[in-house]
N, C-alpha and C. Protein backbone atom coordinates (compact mmCIF):
# COMPACT_ATOMS: atom_id res chain seq x y z
N MET A 1 8.45 12.97 14.71
CA MET A 1 8.90 12.87 13.35
C MET A 1 7.68 12.90 12.42
N ILE A 2 7.73 13.75 11.43
CA ILE A 2 6.66 13.84 10.46
C ILE A 2 7.20 13.36 9.13
N VAL A 3 6.57 12.36 8.56
CA VAL A 3 6.97 11.85 7.25
C VAL A 3 5.97 12.38 6.24
N ASP A 4 6.47 13.19 5.28
CA ASP A 4 5.60 13.78 4.27
C ASP A 4 5.27 12.79 3.16
N GLY A 5 6.24 11.97 2.80
CA GLY A 5 6.02 11.03 1.70
C GLY A 5 6.88 9.80 1.86
N LEU A 6 6.42 8.73 1.27
CA LEU A 6 7.14 7.48 1.36
C LEU A 6 6.93 6.72 0.05
N GLY A 7 7.99 6.15 -0.48
CA GLY A 7 7.87 5.37 -1.70
C GLY A 7 9.09 4.48 -1.84
N PHE A 8 9.01 3.52 -2.74
CA PHE A 8 10.19 2.70 -2.96
C PHE A 8 10.29 2.27 -4.40
N ASN A 9 11.53 1.88 -4.76
CA ASN A 9 11.78 1.46 -6.12
C ASN A 9 11.33 0.01 -6.30
N ASP A 10 11.81 -0.63 -7.32
CA ASP A 10 11.41 -2.02 -7.61
C ASP A 10 11.67 -2.93 -6.41
N VAL A 11 10.66 -3.69 -6.06
CA VAL A 11 10.82 -4.69 -5.01
C VAL A 11 11.33 -5.95 -5.70
N ARG A 12 12.44 -6.46 -5.21
CA ARG A 12 13.06 -7.63 -5.82
C ARG A 12 13.18 -8.76 -4.81
N TYR A 13 13.16 -9.97 -5.34
CA TYR A 13 13.32 -11.14 -4.48
C TYR A 13 14.74 -11.66 -4.64
N ASN A 14 15.42 -11.85 -3.51
CA ASN A 14 16.78 -12.38 -3.50
C ASN A 14 16.72 -13.81 -3.00
N PRO A 15 16.86 -14.80 -3.89
CA PRO A 15 16.73 -16.19 -3.45
C PRO A 15 17.86 -16.64 -2.52
N GLU A 16 19.03 -16.00 -2.61
CA GLU A 16 20.12 -16.38 -1.71
C GLU A 16 19.80 -16.05 -0.26
N ARG A 17 19.11 -14.94 -0.04
CA ARG A 17 18.74 -14.53 1.32
C ARG A 17 17.34 -14.96 1.69
N THR A 18 16.59 -15.44 0.71
CA THR A 18 15.16 -15.74 0.89
C THR A 18 14.45 -14.50 1.42
N ALA A 19 14.69 -13.39 0.74
CA ALA A 19 14.17 -12.11 1.21
C ALA A 19 13.80 -11.20 0.05
N PHE A 20 12.86 -10.32 0.31
CA PHE A 20 12.51 -9.26 -0.63
C PHE A 20 13.34 -8.04 -0.26
N GLU A 21 13.80 -7.30 -1.27
CA GLU A 21 14.66 -6.14 -1.05
C GLU A 21 14.12 -4.94 -1.83
N ALA A 22 14.35 -3.76 -1.28
CA ALA A 22 13.96 -2.53 -1.96
C ALA A 22 14.72 -1.36 -1.35
N LEU A 23 14.77 -0.27 -2.09
CA LEU A 23 15.32 0.98 -1.58
C LEU A 23 14.13 1.88 -1.29
N VAL A 24 13.88 2.15 -0.02
CA VAL A 24 12.71 2.92 0.40
C VAL A 24 13.11 4.37 0.59
N TYR A 25 12.31 5.27 -0.01
CA TYR A 25 12.56 6.71 0.10
C TYR A 25 11.57 7.32 1.08
N ILE A 26 12.10 8.14 1.99
CA ILE A 26 11.27 8.84 2.96
C ILE A 26 11.53 10.33 2.81
N GLN A 27 10.46 11.09 2.60
CA GLN A 27 10.58 12.54 2.49
C GLN A 27 10.12 13.17 3.79
N GLU A 28 10.97 14.02 4.31
CA GLU A 28 10.69 14.74 5.56
C GLU A 28 10.96 16.21 5.28
N GLY A 29 9.88 16.98 5.07
CA GLY A 29 10.06 18.38 4.69
C GLY A 29 10.69 18.45 3.31
N GLU A 30 11.78 19.18 3.17
CA GLU A 30 12.50 19.30 1.90
C GLU A 30 13.54 18.20 1.73
N ASP A 31 13.79 17.42 2.76
CA ASP A 31 14.84 16.40 2.72
C ASP A 31 14.28 15.06 2.27
N MET A 32 15.08 14.36 1.46
CA MET A 32 14.72 13.02 1.00
C MET A 32 15.80 12.06 1.47
N PHE A 33 15.38 10.97 2.10
CA PHE A 33 16.30 9.97 2.62
C PHE A 33 15.99 8.62 1.97
N ALA A 34 17.02 7.81 1.80
CA ALA A 34 16.84 6.49 1.18
C ALA A 34 17.42 5.43 2.11
N TYR A 35 16.71 4.33 2.25
CA TYR A 35 17.13 3.25 3.13
C TYR A 35 17.02 1.91 2.39
N PRO A 36 18.13 1.19 2.23
CA PRO A 36 18.04 -0.15 1.67
C PRO A 36 17.53 -1.11 2.75
N VAL A 37 16.44 -1.79 2.48
CA VAL A 37 15.85 -2.69 3.47
C VAL A 37 15.55 -4.04 2.83
N HIS A 38 15.44 -5.06 3.66
CA HIS A 38 15.04 -6.38 3.19
C HIS A 38 14.07 -6.99 4.19
N LEU A 39 13.28 -7.91 3.69
CA LEU A 39 12.28 -8.60 4.52
C LEU A 39 12.35 -10.08 4.20
N MET A 40 12.69 -10.87 5.21
CA MET A 40 12.74 -12.32 5.04
C MET A 40 11.30 -12.82 4.89
N ALA A 41 11.01 -13.43 3.73
CA ALA A 41 9.67 -13.95 3.47
C ALA A 41 9.75 -14.93 2.31
N PRO A 42 8.81 -15.87 2.25
CA PRO A 42 8.81 -16.80 1.12
C PRO A 42 8.39 -16.09 -0.17
N LEU A 43 8.73 -16.69 -1.28
CA LEU A 43 8.44 -16.10 -2.59
C LEU A 43 6.95 -15.88 -2.81
N ASN A 44 6.11 -16.69 -2.22
CA ASN A 44 4.67 -16.58 -2.42
C ASN A 44 3.97 -15.73 -1.36
N ALA A 45 4.70 -14.89 -0.65
CA ALA A 45 4.09 -14.02 0.37
C ALA A 45 3.20 -12.97 -0.28
N GLU A 46 2.20 -12.53 0.44
CA GLU A 46 1.30 -11.49 -0.05
C GLU A 46 2.06 -10.17 -0.26
N PHE A 47 1.79 -9.49 -1.37
CA PHE A 47 2.50 -8.25 -1.68
C PHE A 47 2.22 -7.17 -0.64
N SER A 48 1.00 -7.12 -0.11
CA SER A 48 0.68 -6.11 0.91
C SER A 48 1.50 -6.34 2.18
N VAL A 49 1.73 -7.59 2.53
CA VAL A 49 2.55 -7.91 3.71
C VAL A 49 4.01 -7.50 3.47
N ILE A 50 4.48 -7.75 2.26
CA ILE A 50 5.86 -7.40 1.91
C ILE A 50 6.05 -5.88 1.97
N CYS A 51 5.13 -5.14 1.36
CA CYS A 51 5.22 -3.67 1.36
C CYS A 51 5.17 -3.11 2.77
N GLU A 52 4.29 -3.64 3.58
CA GLU A 52 4.16 -3.18 4.96
C GLU A 52 5.44 -3.46 5.76
N GLY A 53 6.01 -4.64 5.57
CA GLY A 53 7.25 -4.99 6.28
C GLY A 53 8.42 -4.12 5.86
N LEU A 54 8.57 -3.89 4.55
CA LEU A 54 9.65 -3.04 4.06
C LEU A 54 9.49 -1.61 4.56
N THR A 55 8.26 -1.12 4.56
CA THR A 55 7.97 0.24 5.04
C THR A 55 8.31 0.37 6.52
N GLU A 56 7.89 -0.59 7.33
CA GLU A 56 8.17 -0.55 8.77
C GLU A 56 9.66 -0.54 9.05
N LYS A 57 10.42 -1.36 8.31
CA LYS A 57 11.87 -1.40 8.52
C LYS A 57 12.52 -0.07 8.16
N ALA A 58 12.06 0.55 7.07
CA ALA A 58 12.64 1.83 6.66
C ALA A 58 12.32 2.93 7.66
N ILE A 59 11.09 2.97 8.15
CA ILE A 59 10.71 3.99 9.14
C ILE A 59 11.48 3.77 10.43
N ARG A 60 11.67 2.52 10.83
CA ARG A 60 12.45 2.22 12.03
C ARG A 60 13.90 2.70 11.85
N ALA A 61 14.48 2.44 10.68
CA ALA A 61 15.85 2.90 10.41
C ALA A 61 15.92 4.42 10.40
N HIS A 62 14.90 5.07 9.89
CA HIS A 62 14.85 6.54 9.84
C HIS A 62 14.76 7.13 11.24
N ARG A 63 13.94 6.55 12.08
CA ARG A 63 13.76 7.05 13.45
C ARG A 63 14.99 6.83 14.31
N HIS A 64 15.65 5.70 14.13
CA HIS A 64 16.74 5.33 15.03
C HIS A 64 18.12 5.57 14.44
N ALA A 65 18.21 6.40 13.41
CA ALA A 65 19.53 6.74 12.88
C ALA A 65 20.30 7.46 13.98
N PRO A 66 21.54 7.04 14.28
CA PRO A 66 22.29 7.63 15.39
C PRO A 66 22.52 9.13 15.22
N ALA A 67 22.71 9.56 14.02
CA ALA A 67 22.90 10.99 13.76
C ALA A 67 22.33 11.30 12.39
N ARG A 68 21.80 12.49 12.25
CA ARG A 68 21.21 12.89 10.98
C ARG A 68 22.23 12.82 9.84
N ASP A 69 23.49 13.05 10.16
CA ASP A 69 24.54 13.03 9.14
C ASP A 69 24.80 11.63 8.61
N LEU A 70 24.40 10.59 9.33
CA LEU A 70 24.65 9.23 8.89
C LEU A 70 23.54 8.68 8.00
N ARG A 71 22.49 9.44 7.80
CA ARG A 71 21.40 9.00 6.94
C ARG A 71 21.81 9.17 5.48
N LEU A 72 21.30 8.31 4.61
CA LEU A 72 21.56 8.41 3.19
C LEU A 72 20.57 9.42 2.61
N SER A 73 21.03 10.64 2.42
CA SER A 73 20.12 11.68 1.94
C SER A 73 20.27 11.84 0.44
N ARG A 74 19.19 12.25 -0.18
CA ARG A 74 19.16 12.46 -1.62
C ARG A 74 18.92 13.93 -1.90
N ARG A 75 19.65 14.45 -2.87
CA ARG A 75 19.47 15.85 -3.24
C ARG A 75 18.17 15.98 -4.03
N PRO A 76 17.34 16.97 -3.71
CA PRO A 76 16.08 17.11 -4.46
C PRO A 76 16.35 17.43 -5.92
N VAL A 77 15.54 16.86 -6.79
CA VAL A 77 15.66 17.08 -8.23
C VAL A 77 14.47 17.90 -8.68
N ALA A 78 14.75 18.98 -9.41
CA ALA A 78 13.66 19.82 -9.93
C ALA A 78 12.99 19.07 -11.07
N LEU A 79 11.70 18.84 -10.95
CA LEU A 79 10.97 18.11 -11.98
C LEU A 79 10.74 19.01 -13.18
N GLY A 80 10.79 18.43 -14.35
CA GLY A 80 10.53 19.18 -15.57
C GLY A 80 11.72 19.96 -16.07
N LYS A 81 12.83 19.90 -15.37
CA LYS A 81 14.01 20.63 -15.78
C LYS A 81 15.00 19.65 -16.39
N PRO A 82 15.36 19.81 -17.67
CA PRO A 82 16.27 18.85 -18.30
C PRO A 82 17.66 18.91 -17.70
N LEU A 83 18.34 17.74 -17.68
CA LEU A 83 19.70 17.70 -17.17
C LEU A 83 20.66 18.42 -18.10
N HIS A 84 20.40 18.35 -19.40
CA HIS A 84 21.25 19.01 -20.38
C HIS A 84 20.38 19.95 -21.21
N SER A 85 20.87 21.17 -21.41
CA SER A 85 20.09 22.13 -22.19
C SER A 85 20.10 21.77 -23.67
N ASN A 86 21.17 21.11 -24.12
CA ASN A 86 21.29 20.74 -25.52
C ASN A 86 21.56 19.24 -25.60
N PRO A 87 20.63 18.45 -26.16
CA PRO A 87 20.85 17.00 -26.21
C PRO A 87 22.10 16.60 -26.97
N SER A 88 22.60 17.43 -27.86
CA SER A 88 23.81 17.08 -28.61
C SER A 88 25.06 17.12 -27.73
N GLU A 89 24.95 17.70 -26.52
CA GLU A 89 26.07 17.74 -25.59
C GLU A 89 26.35 16.36 -24.98
N ILE A 90 25.37 15.47 -25.04
CA ILE A 90 25.52 14.15 -24.44
C ILE A 90 26.35 13.28 -25.38
N ALA A 91 27.43 12.73 -24.86
CA ALA A 91 28.29 11.89 -25.68
C ALA A 91 27.62 10.53 -25.91
N PRO A 92 27.64 10.04 -27.15
CA PRO A 92 27.04 8.72 -27.40
C PRO A 92 27.89 7.63 -26.75
N PRO A 93 27.27 6.53 -26.35
CA PRO A 93 28.03 5.45 -25.73
C PRO A 93 28.99 4.81 -26.75
N VAL A 94 30.10 4.35 -26.26
CA VAL A 94 31.09 3.69 -27.10
C VAL A 94 30.83 2.20 -27.05
N LEU A 95 30.62 1.61 -28.22
CA LEU A 95 30.35 0.17 -28.29
C LEU A 95 31.65 -0.55 -28.61
N ARG A 96 31.94 -1.57 -27.84
CA ARG A 96 33.16 -2.36 -28.04
C ARG A 96 32.81 -3.83 -28.03
N ARG A 97 33.55 -4.60 -28.78
CA ARG A 97 33.38 -6.04 -28.77
C ARG A 97 33.98 -6.61 -27.50
N PRO A 98 33.26 -7.48 -26.77
CA PRO A 98 33.80 -8.04 -25.53
C PRO A 98 35.14 -8.75 -25.81
N GLY A 99 36.13 -8.47 -25.01
CA GLY A 99 37.44 -9.08 -25.13
C GLY A 99 38.32 -8.48 -26.21
N ALA A 100 37.87 -7.39 -26.86
CA ALA A 100 38.65 -6.78 -27.94
C ALA A 100 39.97 -6.25 -27.42
N ALA A 101 39.98 -5.75 -26.19
CA ALA A 101 41.22 -5.19 -25.63
C ALA A 101 42.23 -6.30 -25.34
N LEU A 102 41.77 -7.52 -25.16
CA LEU A 102 42.66 -8.62 -24.84
C LEU A 102 43.31 -9.21 -26.08
N ALA A 103 42.67 -9.02 -27.25
CA ALA A 103 43.22 -9.58 -28.48
C ALA A 103 44.46 -8.80 -28.89
N ALA A 104 45.47 -9.53 -29.31
CA ALA A 104 46.70 -8.85 -29.73
C ALA A 104 47.13 -9.31 -31.10
């Protein structure tokens, strides 16, 4: 297995599990895979230890996936290409007062 790239999103601490959590991305050729992983560690653990543990768990999950179809794959996104050609096509968000639908 050749891993071309590896990265992860925000590392967060979950006090209920006493664990750090992240979504780790592994790029293999043109394919991008994502693995949600956690590492049981105290809040004051070294960040390098946390990153190493999360990375190891993601690589282990990537290697031992029972079938390639069961992996969480991500579609590649072309960088520099806007999602909408015209920004006016994007509908503005609708703001509502909380509980307004319940008032009668």
